[in-house]
């Protein structure tokens, strides 16, 4: 098996980190758009 040098390892790790960050940001945007209904006890009527 070929051994990876430090530069190749860092490039792979940064690509994985970007993928994970994009996945987390996309899921956060979905939850950000969700607006639950306000309970009757908290409404100003």
C-alpha atoms as a PDB file:
ATOM      1  CA  UNK A   1       0.000   0.000   0.000  1.00  0.00           C
ATOM      2  CA  UNK A   2       1.292   3.420  -0.924  1.00  0.00           C
ATOM      3  CA  UNK A   3       1.959   5.789   1.982  1.00  0.00           C
ATOM      4  CA  UNK A   4       0.477   9.251   1.784  1.00  0.00           C
ATOM      5  CA  UNK A   5       2.627  12.288   2.350  1.00  0.00           C
ATOM      6  CA  UNK A   6       1.547  15.076   4.683  1.00  0.00           C
ATOM      7  CA  UNK A   7       0.311  17.368   1.907  1.00  0.00           C
ATOM      8  CA  UNK A   8      -1.980  14.697   0.431  1.00  0.00           C
ATOM      9  CA  UNK A   9      -3.354  13.821   3.842  1.00  0.00           C
ATOM     10  CA  UNK A  10      -4.127  17.481   4.605  1.00  0.00           C
ATOM     11  CA  UNK A  11      -5.842  17.917   1.221  1.00  0.00           C
ATOM     12  CA  UNK A  12      -8.088  14.911   1.861  1.00  0.00           C
ATOM     13  CA  UNK A  13      -8.887  16.076   5.393  1.00  0.00           C
ATOM     14  CA  UNK A  14      -9.802  19.575   4.184  1.00  0.00           C
ATOM     15  CA  UNK A  15     -12.071  18.166   1.467  1.00  0.00           C
ATOM     16  CA  UNK A  16     -13.879  16.035   4.060  1.00  0.00           C
ATOM     17  CA  UNK A  17     -14.182  19.027   6.400  1.00  0.00           C
ATOM     18  CA  UNK A  18     -15.732  21.160   3.633  1.00  0.00           C
ATOM     19  CA  UNK A  19     -18.221  18.388   2.828  1.00  0.00           C
ATOM     20  CA  UNK A  20     -19.230  18.041   6.491  1.00  0.00           C
ATOM     21  CA  UNK A  21     -19.559  21.815   6.898  1.00  0.00           C
ATOM     22  CA  UNK A  22     -21.797  22.055   3.818  1.00  0.00           C
ATOM     23  CA  UNK A  23     -23.999  19.225   5.078  1.00  0.00           C
ATOM     24  CA  UNK A  24     -24.384  20.839   8.503  1.00  0.00           C
ATOM     25  CA  UNK A  25     -25.135  24.265   7.004  1.00  0.00           C
ATOM     26  CA  UNK A  26     -27.809  22.834   4.717  1.00  0.00           C
ATOM     27  CA  UNK A  27     -29.571  21.054   7.555  1.00  0.00           C
ATOM     28  CA  UNK A  28     -29.441  24.205   9.693  1.00  0.00           C
ATOM     29  CA  UNK A  29     -31.141  26.190   6.925  1.00  0.00           C
ATOM     30  CA  UNK A  30     -34.017  23.707   6.829  1.00  0.00           C
ATOM     31  CA  UNK A  31     -34.606  24.038  10.567  1.00  0.00           C
ATOM     32  CA  UNK A  32     -34.241  27.821  10.427  1.00  0.00           C
ATOM     33  CA  UNK A  33     -37.206  28.099   8.064  1.00  0.00           C
ATOM     34  CA  UNK A  34     -39.472  26.136  10.429  1.00  0.00           C
ATOM     35  CA  UNK A  35     -41.732  28.387  12.520  1.00  0.00           C
ATOM     36  CA  UNK A  36     -43.803  26.634  15.195  1.00  0.00           C
ATOM     37  CA  UNK A  37     -47.251  27.937  16.120  1.00  0.00           C
ATOM     38  CA  UNK A  38     -47.408  30.235  19.128  1.00  0.00           C
ATOM     39  CA  UNK A  39     -49.200  28.722  22.141  1.00  0.00           C
ATOM     40  CA  UNK A  40     -52.456  30.386  23.204  1.00  0.00           C
ATOM     41  CA  UNK A  41     -51.010  31.164  26.637  1.00  0.00           C
ATOM     42  CA  UNK A  42     -48.295  33.363  25.093  1.00  0.00           C
ATOM     43  CA  UNK A  43     -50.463  35.295  22.627  1.00  0.00           C
ATOM     44  CA  UNK A  44     -51.242  39.003  23.116  1.00  0.00           C
ATOM     45  CA  UNK A  45     -54.992  39.235  22.622  1.00  0.00           C
END
